[in-house]
Amino acid sequence: MYEGGYVNGKREGNGTEHYSNGNLKFKGEFKNDGYHGKNVTIYNIQEIQQSSAAIIFQGDVDKGSYVRGRLFHPNGR
């Protein structure tokens, strides 16, 4: 689920994306339908029944591609 702006049918500008159960996946800038910006945090659900989420990536993203940062294994390492 996405809330935010669109340009030509693609996600653009500030917005938030949530998993279908309502957990936050991403909050920040979108560009050309992808995550974009510096110091981005992308979350992943550990278990659908839990409301907590683990971080899967922190760092810089350019048009949806990880540029520089820390990528985490699903176990948090």
Protein backbone atom coordinates (compact mmCIF):
# COMPACT_ATOMS: atom_id res chain seq x y z
CA MET A 1 0.00 0.00 0.00
CA TYR A 2 1.40 3.39 -0.99
CA GLU A 3 0.46 6.90 0.05
CA GLY A 4 2.12 9.78 -1.72
CA GLY A 5 2.53 11.55 -5.01
CA TYR A 6 2.53 10.24 -8.55
CA VAL A 7 3.96 11.64 -11.78
CA ASN A 8 2.94 9.94 -15.03
CA GLY A 9 1.62 6.96 -13.06
CA LYS A 10 4.87 6.42 -11.14
CA ARG A 11 5.56 7.06 -7.45
CA GLU A 12 7.35 10.38 -7.06
CA GLY A 13 8.23 12.68 -4.14
CA ASN A 14 7.68 11.99 -0.45
CA GLY A 15 5.53 9.01 0.45
CA THR A 16 5.08 5.95 2.62
CA GLU A 17 4.74 2.31 1.68
CA HIS A 18 3.20 -0.34 3.95
CA TYR A 19 2.91 -4.10 3.79
CA SER A 20 -0.61 -5.50 3.40
CA ASN A 21 -0.85 -6.06 7.17
CA GLY A 22 -0.17 -2.36 7.82
CA ASN A 23 3.49 -2.59 8.91
CA LEU A 24 5.73 0.16 7.61
CA LYS A 25 8.00 -0.83 4.73
CA PHE A 26 9.41 2.55 3.68
CA LYS A 27 8.96 6.24 4.41
CA GLY A 28 10.87 8.77 2.38
CA GLU A 29 11.47 9.94 -1.15
CA PHE A 30 10.46 8.11 -4.32
CA LYS A 31 11.82 8.82 -7.78
CA ASN A 32 10.66 7.20 -11.01
CA ASP A 33 8.68 4.58 -9.00
CA GLY A 34 11.68 3.54 -6.85
CA TYR A 35 13.09 4.42 -3.44
CA HIS A 36 15.44 7.37 -3.57
CA GLY A 37 17.54 9.43 -1.18
CA LYS A 38 20.22 9.44 1.50
CA ASN A 39 19.98 7.75 4.91
CA VAL A 40 17.06 5.60 3.75
CA THR A 41 15.66 2.83 5.95
CA ILE A 42 13.73 -0.06 4.44
CA TYR A 43 11.89 -2.45 6.77
CA ASN A 44 10.90 -6.11 6.46
CA ILE A 45 8.34 -8.05 8.47
CA GLN A 46 9.90 -10.82 10.58
CA GLU A 47 6.59 -12.51 11.25
CA ILE A 48 3.24 -11.44 9.83
CA GLN A 49 1.52 -11.98 13.20
CA GLN A 50 3.87 -9.50 14.90
CA SER A 51 3.62 -5.77 14.52
CA SER A 52 7.40 -5.38 14.79
CA ALA A 53 9.61 -5.11 11.74
CA ALA A 54 13.31 -5.61 11.16
CA ILE A 55 15.50 -3.29 9.15
CA ILE A 56 16.70 -4.83 5.89
CA PHE A 57 18.64 -1.85 4.51
CA GLN A 58 20.00 1.46 5.75
CA GLY A 59 21.91 3.82 3.49
CA ASP A 60 21.69 5.63 0.20
CA VAL A 61 19.35 4.62 -2.62
CA ASP A 62 19.24 6.00 -6.15
CA LYS A 63 16.09 5.33 -8.21
CA GLY A 64 15.42 2.04 -6.40
CA SER A 65 18.99 0.70 -6.40
CA TYR A 66 21.09 0.35 -3.24
CA VAL A 67 24.12 2.62 -3.64
CA ARG A 68 25.92 2.60 -0.31
CA GLY A 69 24.91 1.35 3.11
CA ARG A 70 24.25 -1.70 5.24
CA LEU A 71 22.20 -4.65 4.01
CA PHE A 72 20.87 -6.92 6.76
CA HIS A 73 20.15 -10.66 6.68
CA PRO A 74 16.57 -11.57 7.76
CA ASN A 75 17.96 -12.70 11.15
CA GLY A 76 19.19 -9.14 11.77
CA ARG A 77 22.90 -9.69 11.14
